[in-house]
């Protein structure tokens, strides 16, 4: 009986030690570390603001486990210039000089506008000085207009 208790104690200590080794991590943060807990969950969220220095082995493991998000592309007027159409025959045309037009495919009526590119957004300034913000998606192959819930696909 004592032998079983002793073996159980040794196994318990070994398991606790092993779990402690697996749960430990080695990193340094130059910034602020905050933690959050939720009343309805027993998970802890750790947020790190600042530079995090991981060893190369740890950073490889993290990038393999989590899909690394690419930095957003810096778009320019030249990269977004072209003709964009929807499935419903709406069309946006962007010229490299910062002007463009909006209308329906095949129609002789169109509306002119000025635009500029800010990060992954195209900001259109209409004739009445109102603005519309369009999101550039798919590496510049499409533009999403949230106000009208329209996706414009760039002609190749």
N, C-alpha and C. Protein backbone atom coordinates (compact mmCIF):
# COMPACT_ATOMS: atom_id res chain seq x y z
N UNK A 1 0.82 -1.18 0.00
CA UNK A 1 0.00 0.00 0.00
C UNK A 1 0.87 1.25 0.00
N UNK A 2 1.94 1.23 0.83
CA UNK A 2 2.83 2.37 0.88
C UNK A 2 3.56 2.55 -0.44
N UNK A 3 3.86 1.41 -1.07
CA UNK A 3 4.58 1.47 -2.34
C UNK A 3 3.72 2.16 -3.40
N UNK A 4 2.41 1.84 -3.44
CA UNK A 4 1.50 2.47 -4.40
C UNK A 4 1.38 3.97 -4.13
N UNK A 5 1.29 4.37 -2.87
CA UNK A 5 1.21 5.79 -2.51
C UNK A 5 2.47 6.52 -2.94
N UNK A 6 3.63 5.86 -2.71
CA UNK A 6 4.89 6.47 -3.08
C UNK A 6 4.99 6.65 -4.60
N UNK A 7 4.59 5.62 -5.37
CA UNK A 7 4.63 5.71 -6.83
C UNK A 7 3.67 6.78 -7.34
N UNK A 8 2.48 6.83 -6.74
CA UNK A 8 1.53 7.86 -7.14
C UNK A 8 2.07 9.25 -6.86
N UNK A 9 2.73 9.43 -5.73
CA UNK A 9 3.31 10.73 -5.38
C UNK A 9 4.41 11.11 -6.36
N UNK A 10 5.25 10.15 -6.72
CA UNK A 10 6.34 10.41 -7.66
C UNK A 10 5.77 10.75 -9.03
N UNK A 11 4.77 10.02 -9.48
CA UNK A 11 4.15 10.31 -10.77
C UNK A 11 3.48 11.68 -10.77
N UNK A 12 2.82 12.00 -9.67
CA UNK A 12 2.16 13.31 -9.57
C UNK A 12 3.17 14.43 -9.64
N UNK A 13 4.26 14.33 -8.90
CA UNK A 13 5.31 15.35 -8.93
C UNK A 13 5.91 15.43 -10.33
N UNK A 14 6.14 14.29 -10.94
CA UNK A 14 6.70 14.28 -12.30
C UNK A 14 5.77 14.95 -13.30
N UNK A 15 4.47 14.65 -13.21
CA UNK A 15 3.50 15.28 -14.11
C UNK A 15 3.43 16.79 -13.89
N UNK A 16 3.39 17.21 -12.64
CA UNK A 16 3.35 18.64 -12.35
C UNK A 16 4.60 19.34 -12.86
N UNK A 17 5.75 18.72 -12.65
CA UNK A 17 6.99 19.30 -13.13
C UNK A 17 6.99 19.38 -14.67
N UNK A 18 6.54 18.30 -15.31
CA UNK A 18 6.49 18.27 -16.77
C UNK A 18 5.54 19.31 -17.33
N UNK A 19 4.37 19.47 -16.72
CA UNK A 19 3.42 20.48 -17.16
C UNK A 19 3.98 21.87 -16.95
N UNK A 20 4.69 22.06 -15.86
CA UNK A 20 5.30 23.37 -15.59
C UNK A 20 6.33 23.71 -16.65
N UNK A 21 7.10 22.74 -17.08
CA UNK A 21 8.10 22.97 -18.12
C UNK A 21 7.41 23.28 -19.44
N UNK A 22 6.35 22.56 -19.78
CA UNK A 22 5.64 22.80 -21.03
C UNK A 22 4.93 24.15 -21.03
N UNK A 23 4.42 24.57 -19.89
CA UNK A 23 3.67 25.81 -19.82
C UNK A 23 4.56 27.04 -19.75
N UNK A 24 5.82 26.86 -19.39
CA UNK A 24 6.69 28.03 -19.29
C UNK A 24 7.09 28.50 -20.68
N UNK A 25 7.29 29.81 -20.80
CA UNK A 25 7.74 30.36 -22.08
C UNK A 25 8.79 31.41 -21.80
N UNK A 26 9.64 31.63 -22.77
CA UNK A 26 10.76 32.52 -22.60
C UNK A 26 10.63 33.66 -23.58
N UNK A 27 10.27 34.86 -23.11
CA UNK A 27 10.21 36.03 -23.96
C UNK A 27 10.43 37.27 -23.12
N UNK A 28 10.79 38.36 -23.78
CA UNK A 28 10.93 39.64 -23.09
C UNK A 28 10.12 40.67 -23.84
N UNK A 29 9.52 41.60 -23.11
CA UNK A 29 8.67 42.62 -23.70
C UNK A 29 9.21 43.98 -23.32
N UNK A 30 9.43 44.82 -24.31
CA UNK A 30 9.78 46.22 -24.06
C UNK A 30 8.51 47.02 -24.29
N UNK A 31 7.69 47.15 -23.29
CA UNK A 31 6.42 47.85 -23.43
C UNK A 31 5.50 47.50 -22.29
N UNK A 32 4.21 47.39 -22.58
CA UNK A 32 3.19 47.16 -21.55
C UNK A 32 2.52 45.81 -21.79
N UNK A 33 2.36 45.04 -20.73
CA UNK A 33 1.66 43.76 -20.79
C UNK A 33 0.40 43.90 -19.96
N UNK A 34 -0.76 43.61 -20.58
CA UNK A 34 -2.03 43.65 -19.85
C UNK A 34 -2.72 42.30 -19.99
N UNK A 35 -3.47 41.94 -18.97
CA UNK A 35 -4.22 40.69 -19.01
C UNK A 35 -5.69 40.98 -18.81
N UNK A 36 -6.54 40.15 -19.41
CA UNK A 36 -7.98 40.28 -19.27
C UNK A 36 -8.57 38.93 -18.95
N UNK A 37 -9.54 38.91 -18.08
CA UNK A 37 -10.28 37.70 -17.80
C UNK A 37 -11.76 38.00 -17.97
N UNK A 38 -12.51 36.99 -18.28
CA UNK A 38 -13.94 37.15 -18.48
C UNK A 38 -14.67 36.35 -17.41
N UNK A 39 -15.79 36.89 -16.93
CA UNK A 39 -16.55 36.22 -15.87
C UNK A 39 -17.18 34.92 -16.37
N UNK A 40 -17.55 34.88 -17.65
CA UNK A 40 -18.21 33.68 -18.17
C UNK A 40 -17.25 32.70 -18.81
N UNK A 41 -15.96 32.97 -18.73
CA UNK A 41 -14.97 32.08 -19.33
C UNK A 41 -13.78 31.96 -18.38
N UNK A 42 -13.10 30.82 -18.42
CA UNK A 42 -11.92 30.68 -17.60
C UNK A 42 -10.65 30.81 -18.43
N UNK A 43 -10.71 31.62 -19.48
CA UNK A 43 -9.51 31.86 -20.28
C UNK A 43 -8.96 33.24 -19.95
N UNK A 44 -7.67 33.40 -20.16
CA UNK A 44 -6.97 34.65 -19.90
C UNK A 44 -6.42 35.16 -21.22
N UNK A 45 -6.64 36.43 -21.50
CA UNK A 45 -6.11 37.06 -22.70
C UNK A 45 -4.95 37.94 -22.28
N UNK A 46 -3.79 37.73 -22.90
CA UNK A 46 -2.61 38.52 -22.60
C UNK A 46 -2.31 39.38 -23.81
N UNK A 47 -2.27 40.69 -23.61
CA UNK A 47 -1.96 41.63 -24.69
C UNK A 47 -0.61 42.27 -24.39
N UNK A 48 0.24 42.29 -25.42
CA UNK A 48 1.56 42.87 -25.26
C UNK A 48 1.71 44.03 -26.22
N UNK A 49 1.97 45.21 -25.71
CA UNK A 49 2.22 46.39 -26.53
C UNK A 49 3.70 46.71 -26.43
N UNK A 50 4.36 46.72 -27.54
CA UNK A 50 5.79 46.99 -27.56
C UNK A 50 6.50 45.92 -28.35
N UNK A 51 7.81 45.89 -28.25
CA UNK A 51 8.62 44.93 -28.97
C UNK A 51 8.70 43.64 -28.18
N UNK A 52 8.40 42.53 -28.83
CA UNK A 52 8.50 41.23 -28.21
C UNK A 52 9.67 40.50 -28.85
N UNK A 53 10.61 40.05 -28.04
CA UNK A 53 11.78 39.34 -28.54
C UNK A 53 11.63 37.86 -28.23
N UNK A 54 11.44 37.05 -29.24
CA UNK A 54 11.35 35.61 -29.09
C UNK A 54 12.60 34.98 -29.67
N UNK A 55 12.93 33.81 -29.18
CA UNK A 55 14.03 33.09 -29.80
C UNK A 55 13.59 32.63 -31.17
N UNK A 56 14.51 32.33 -32.05
CA UNK A 56 14.16 31.95 -33.41
C UNK A 56 13.32 30.68 -33.44
N UNK A 57 13.60 29.74 -32.57
CA UNK A 57 12.83 28.50 -32.54
C UNK A 57 11.39 28.77 -32.14
N UNK A 58 11.17 29.63 -31.14
CA UNK A 58 9.82 29.95 -30.71
C UNK A 58 9.06 30.70 -31.78
N UNK A 59 9.70 31.65 -32.47
CA UNK A 59 9.00 32.41 -33.49
C UNK A 59 8.63 31.52 -34.67
N UNK A 60 9.47 30.52 -35.00
CA UNK A 60 9.12 29.58 -36.06
C UNK A 60 7.91 28.76 -35.68
N UNK A 61 7.87 28.31 -34.41
CA UNK A 61 6.73 27.52 -33.95
C UNK A 61 5.46 28.35 -33.98
N UNK A 62 5.53 29.60 -33.57
CA UNK A 62 4.35 30.46 -33.57
C UNK A 62 3.86 30.70 -34.99
N UNK A 63 4.77 30.98 -35.93
CA UNK A 63 4.35 31.23 -37.30
C UNK A 63 3.80 29.98 -37.97
N UNK A 64 4.25 28.81 -37.57
CA UNK A 64 3.68 27.58 -38.12
C UNK A 64 2.29 27.33 -37.57
N UNK A 65 2.09 27.61 -36.27
CA UNK A 65 0.80 27.36 -35.66
C UNK A 65 -0.24 28.38 -36.09
N UNK A 66 0.15 29.64 -36.13
CA UNK A 66 -0.77 30.73 -36.48
C UNK A 66 -0.42 31.24 -37.85
N UNK A 67 -1.45 31.44 -38.67
CA UNK A 67 -1.21 31.98 -39.99
C UNK A 67 -0.80 33.44 -39.84
N UNK A 68 0.38 33.78 -40.34
CA UNK A 68 0.90 35.12 -40.18
C UNK A 68 0.20 36.04 -41.17
N UNK A 69 -0.34 37.15 -40.65
CA UNK A 69 -1.06 38.10 -41.50
C UNK A 69 -0.04 39.02 -42.15
N UNK A 70 -0.17 39.20 -43.46
CA UNK A 70 0.75 40.05 -44.19
C UNK A 70 0.42 41.51 -43.93
N UNK A 71 1.45 42.35 -43.98
CA UNK A 71 1.25 43.77 -43.81
C UNK A 71 0.46 44.30 -45.00
N UNK A 72 -0.45 45.26 -44.77
CA UNK A 72 -1.22 45.78 -45.87
C UNK A 72 -0.33 46.46 -46.90
N UNK A 73 -0.69 46.30 -48.16
CA UNK A 73 0.08 46.89 -49.24
C UNK A 73 -0.15 48.39 -49.26
N UNK A 74 0.85 49.13 -49.67
CA UNK A 74 0.69 50.57 -49.86
C UNK A 74 0.29 50.79 -51.31
N UNK A 75 -0.95 51.14 -51.51
CA UNK A 75 -1.46 51.35 -52.86
C UNK A 75 -1.24 52.80 -53.28
N UNK A 76 -1.12 53.00 -54.59
CA UNK A 76 -0.96 54.33 -55.17
C UNK A 76 -2.02 54.52 -56.23
N UNK A 77 -2.10 55.75 -56.76
CA UNK A 77 -3.05 56.00 -57.86
C UNK A 77 -2.73 55.11 -59.06
N UNK A 78 -1.45 54.92 -59.31
CA UNK A 78 -1.06 54.10 -60.46
C UNK A 78 -1.48 52.64 -60.26
N UNK A 79 -1.41 52.14 -59.02
CA UNK A 79 -1.75 50.73 -58.80
C UNK A 79 -3.27 50.49 -58.80
N UNK A 80 -4.07 51.50 -58.48
CA UNK A 80 -5.52 51.30 -58.48
C UNK A 80 -6.20 51.81 -59.74
N UNK A 81 -5.45 52.49 -60.62
CA UNK A 81 -6.08 53.01 -61.83
C UNK A 81 -6.59 51.86 -62.70
N UNK A 82 -7.73 52.08 -63.30
CA UNK A 82 -8.34 51.06 -64.15
C UNK A 82 -9.84 51.10 -64.07
N UNK A 83 -10.47 50.09 -64.64
CA UNK A 83 -11.92 49.99 -64.70
C UNK A 83 -12.38 48.87 -63.79
N UNK A 84 -13.35 49.15 -62.94
CA UNK A 84 -13.91 48.20 -61.98
C UNK A 84 -15.40 48.06 -62.23
N UNK A 85 -15.89 46.83 -62.35
CA UNK A 85 -17.31 46.58 -62.63
C UNK A 85 -17.92 45.67 -61.57
N UNK A 86 -19.25 45.80 -61.38
CA UNK A 86 -20.00 44.88 -60.54
C UNK A 86 -20.75 43.91 -61.43
N UNK A 87 -21.37 42.91 -60.81
CA UNK A 87 -22.20 41.97 -61.56
C UNK A 87 -23.48 42.64 -62.07
N UNK A 88 -23.85 43.76 -61.45
CA UNK A 88 -25.08 44.49 -61.84
C UNK A 88 -24.80 45.62 -62.82
N UNK A 89 -23.65 45.59 -63.49
CA UNK A 89 -23.27 46.55 -64.53
C UNK A 89 -22.99 47.96 -64.02
N UNK A 90 -22.65 48.11 -62.76
CA UNK A 90 -22.18 49.40 -62.26
C UNK A 90 -20.68 49.47 -62.54
N UNK A 91 -20.17 50.68 -62.81
CA UNK A 91 -18.77 50.81 -63.20
C UNK A 91 -18.13 52.01 -62.49
N UNK A 92 -16.90 51.80 -62.05
CA UNK A 92 -16.05 52.87 -61.54
C UNK A 92 -14.77 52.87 -62.37
N UNK A 93 -14.36 54.05 -62.81
CA UNK A 93 -13.11 54.19 -63.56
C UNK A 93 -12.19 55.13 -62.80
N UNK A 94 -10.96 54.70 -62.56
CA UNK A 94 -9.97 55.51 -61.85
C UNK A 94 -8.82 55.79 -62.80
N UNK A 95 -8.48 57.08 -62.98
CA UNK A 95 -7.34 57.49 -63.79
C UNK A 95 -6.16 57.79 -62.88
N UNK A 96 -4.95 57.70 -63.43
CA UNK A 96 -3.75 57.92 -62.63
C UNK A 96 -3.60 59.36 -62.15
N UNK A 97 -4.30 60.30 -62.79
CA UNK A 97 -4.18 61.71 -62.40
C UNK A 97 -5.07 62.10 -61.22
N UNK A 98 -5.80 61.13 -60.64
CA UNK A 98 -6.63 61.41 -59.47
C UNK A 98 -8.06 61.77 -59.80
N UNK A 99 -8.46 61.55 -61.03
CA UNK A 99 -9.86 61.78 -61.42
C UNK A 99 -10.49 60.44 -61.78
N UNK A 100 -11.80 60.42 -61.80
CA UNK A 100 -12.49 59.19 -62.16
C UNK A 100 -13.93 59.46 -62.52
N UNK A 101 -14.65 58.39 -62.83
CA UNK A 101 -16.06 58.51 -63.17
C UNK A 101 -16.81 57.29 -62.68
N UNK A 102 -18.10 57.51 -62.47
CA UNK A 102 -18.98 56.45 -62.00
C UNK A 102 -20.21 56.43 -62.88
N UNK A 103 -20.69 55.24 -63.22
CA UNK A 103 -21.89 55.14 -64.05
C UNK A 103 -22.26 53.68 -64.27
N UNK A 104 -23.14 53.48 -65.23
CA UNK A 104 -23.58 52.14 -65.62
C UNK A 104 -22.91 51.78 -66.94
N UNK A 105 -22.61 50.52 -67.12
CA UNK A 105 -21.99 50.05 -68.35
C UNK A 105 -22.97 50.29 -69.49
N UNK A 106 -22.50 50.94 -70.56
CA UNK A 106 -23.32 51.20 -71.74
C UNK A 106 -24.11 52.49 -71.67
N UNK A 107 -24.12 53.14 -70.52
CA UNK A 107 -24.87 54.39 -70.39
C UNK A 107 -23.99 55.57 -70.77
N UNK A 108 -24.60 56.60 -71.33
CA UNK A 108 -23.86 57.81 -71.65
C UNK A 108 -23.84 58.79 -70.48
N UNK A 109 -24.57 58.49 -69.42
CA UNK A 109 -24.60 59.32 -68.22
C UNK A 109 -23.57 58.80 -67.23
N UNK A 110 -22.74 59.70 -66.73
CA UNK A 110 -21.76 59.31 -65.72
C UNK A 110 -21.51 60.50 -64.80
N UNK A 111 -20.92 60.23 -63.66
CA UNK A 111 -20.60 61.26 -62.68
C UNK A 111 -19.09 61.28 -62.49
N UNK A 112 -18.50 62.47 -62.60
CA UNK A 112 -17.06 62.62 -62.40
C UNK A 112 -16.75 62.85 -60.93
N UNK A 113 -15.54 62.47 -60.54
CA UNK A 113 -15.09 62.68 -59.16
C UNK A 113 -13.58 62.79 -59.12
N UNK A 114 -13.08 63.29 -58.00
CA UNK A 114 -11.65 63.27 -57.70
C UNK A 114 -11.44 62.23 -56.62
N UNK A 115 -10.25 61.65 -56.56
CA UNK A 115 -9.98 60.65 -55.54
C UNK A 115 -8.52 60.69 -55.14
N UNK A 116 -8.26 60.13 -53.98
CA UNK A 116 -6.89 59.87 -53.56
C UNK A 116 -6.87 58.56 -52.80
N UNK A 117 -5.69 57.99 -52.70
CA UNK A 117 -5.51 56.68 -52.07
C UNK A 117 -4.84 56.89 -50.72
N UNK A 118 -5.42 56.28 -49.69
CA UNK A 118 -4.87 56.36 -48.33
C UNK A 118 -4.77 54.94 -47.78
N UNK A 119 -3.57 54.36 -47.85
CA UNK A 119 -3.37 52.99 -47.38
C UNK A 119 -4.13 52.00 -48.24
N UNK A 120 -5.14 51.32 -47.65
CA UNK A 120 -5.95 50.37 -48.41
C UNK A 120 -7.36 50.92 -48.68
N UNK A 121 -7.47 52.25 -48.74
CA UNK A 121 -8.75 52.89 -49.03
C UNK A 121 -8.62 53.86 -50.19
N UNK A 122 -9.69 53.96 -50.96
CA UNK A 122 -9.81 54.99 -51.98
C UNK A 122 -10.86 55.95 -51.46
N UNK A 123 -10.49 57.22 -51.35
CA UNK A 123 -11.41 58.24 -50.85
C UNK A 123 -11.83 59.09 -52.03
N UNK A 124 -13.13 59.01 -52.36
CA UNK A 124 -13.70 59.73 -53.49
C UNK A 124 -14.32 61.02 -52.99
N UNK A 125 -14.01 62.13 -53.66
CA UNK A 125 -14.64 63.41 -53.38
C UNK A 125 -15.55 63.75 -54.56
N UNK A 126 -16.84 63.79 -54.30
CA UNK A 126 -17.83 64.06 -55.34
C UNK A 126 -17.93 65.56 -55.60
N UNK A 127 -18.67 65.95 -56.60
CA UNK A 127 -18.83 67.36 -56.97
C UNK A 127 -19.44 68.21 -55.88
N UNK A 128 -20.28 67.64 -55.02
CA UNK A 128 -20.91 68.39 -53.93
C UNK A 128 -20.06 68.38 -52.65
N UNK A 129 -18.78 67.98 -52.78
CA UNK A 129 -17.81 67.92 -51.68
C UNK A 129 -18.08 66.80 -50.68
N UNK A 130 -19.02 65.91 -50.96
CA UNK A 130 -19.22 64.75 -50.09
C UNK A 130 -18.15 63.71 -50.42
N UNK A 131 -17.90 62.81 -49.46
CA UNK A 131 -16.87 61.80 -49.64
C UNK A 131 -17.44 60.40 -49.51
N UNK A 132 -16.83 59.47 -50.22
CA UNK A 132 -17.12 58.05 -50.09
C UNK A 132 -15.80 57.33 -49.89
N UNK A 133 -15.80 56.32 -49.02
CA UNK A 133 -14.59 55.54 -48.77
C UNK A 133 -14.79 54.12 -49.27
N UNK A 134 -13.89 53.69 -50.12
CA UNK A 134 -13.94 52.35 -50.68
C UNK A 134 -12.73 51.58 -50.17
N UNK A 135 -12.92 50.30 -49.84
CA UNK A 135 -11.84 49.45 -49.36
C UNK A 135 -11.24 48.69 -50.54
N UNK A 136 -9.91 48.73 -50.62
CA UNK A 136 -9.20 47.97 -51.66
C UNK A 136 -9.00 46.56 -51.13
N UNK A 137 -9.39 45.57 -51.92
CA UNK A 137 -9.29 44.17 -51.49
C UNK A 137 -8.54 43.34 -52.54
N UNK A 138 -8.21 42.14 -52.15
CA UNK A 138 -7.59 41.15 -53.04
C UNK A 138 -6.36 41.69 -53.74
N UNK A 139 -5.52 42.44 -53.00
CA UNK A 139 -4.29 42.96 -53.58
C UNK A 139 -4.52 43.96 -54.68
N UNK A 140 -5.65 44.64 -54.69
CA UNK A 140 -5.96 45.63 -55.70
C UNK A 140 -6.83 45.11 -56.83
N UNK A 141 -7.26 43.86 -56.76
CA UNK A 141 -8.09 43.28 -57.81
C UNK A 141 -9.57 43.58 -57.64
N UNK A 142 -9.96 44.08 -56.48
CA UNK A 142 -11.36 44.45 -56.26
C UNK A 142 -11.44 45.61 -55.29
N UNK A 143 -12.58 46.30 -55.33
CA UNK A 143 -12.85 47.44 -54.47
C UNK A 143 -14.23 47.23 -53.86
N UNK A 144 -14.34 47.44 -52.55
CA UNK A 144 -15.62 47.28 -51.86
C UNK A 144 -16.14 48.64 -51.43
N UNK A 145 -17.41 48.92 -51.76
CA UNK A 145 -18.06 50.17 -51.40
C UNK A 145 -19.07 49.86 -50.31
N UNK A 146 -18.71 50.07 -49.03
CA UNK A 146 -19.60 49.69 -47.93
C UNK A 146 -20.94 50.41 -47.92
N UNK A 147 -20.98 51.69 -48.35
CA UNK A 147 -22.24 52.45 -48.35
C UNK A 147 -23.30 51.77 -49.20
N UNK A 148 -22.90 51.23 -50.33
CA UNK A 148 -23.84 50.60 -51.26
C UNK A 148 -23.76 49.08 -51.23
N UNK A 149 -22.88 48.53 -50.40
CA UNK A 149 -22.66 47.09 -50.31
C UNK A 149 -22.38 46.48 -51.68
N UNK A 150 -21.46 47.11 -52.42
CA UNK A 150 -21.09 46.64 -53.75
C UNK A 150 -19.62 46.28 -53.81
N UNK A 151 -19.31 45.22 -54.54
CA UNK A 151 -17.92 44.85 -54.79
C UNK A 151 -17.66 45.03 -56.28
N UNK A 152 -16.67 45.83 -56.60
CA UNK A 152 -16.27 46.09 -57.98
C UNK A 152 -15.01 45.28 -58.28
N UNK A 153 -15.04 44.54 -59.37
CA UNK A 153 -13.91 43.70 -59.78
C UNK A 153 -13.15 44.42 -60.89
N UNK A 154 -11.83 44.48 -60.77
CA UNK A 154 -10.99 45.18 -61.75
C UNK A 154 -10.90 44.38 -63.03
N UNK A 155 -11.07 45.08 -64.16
CA UNK A 155 -10.90 44.43 -65.47
C UNK A 155 -9.42 44.18 -65.70
N UNK A 156 -9.11 43.03 -66.25
CA UNK A 156 -7.71 42.68 -66.53
C UNK A 156 -7.28 43.21 -67.86
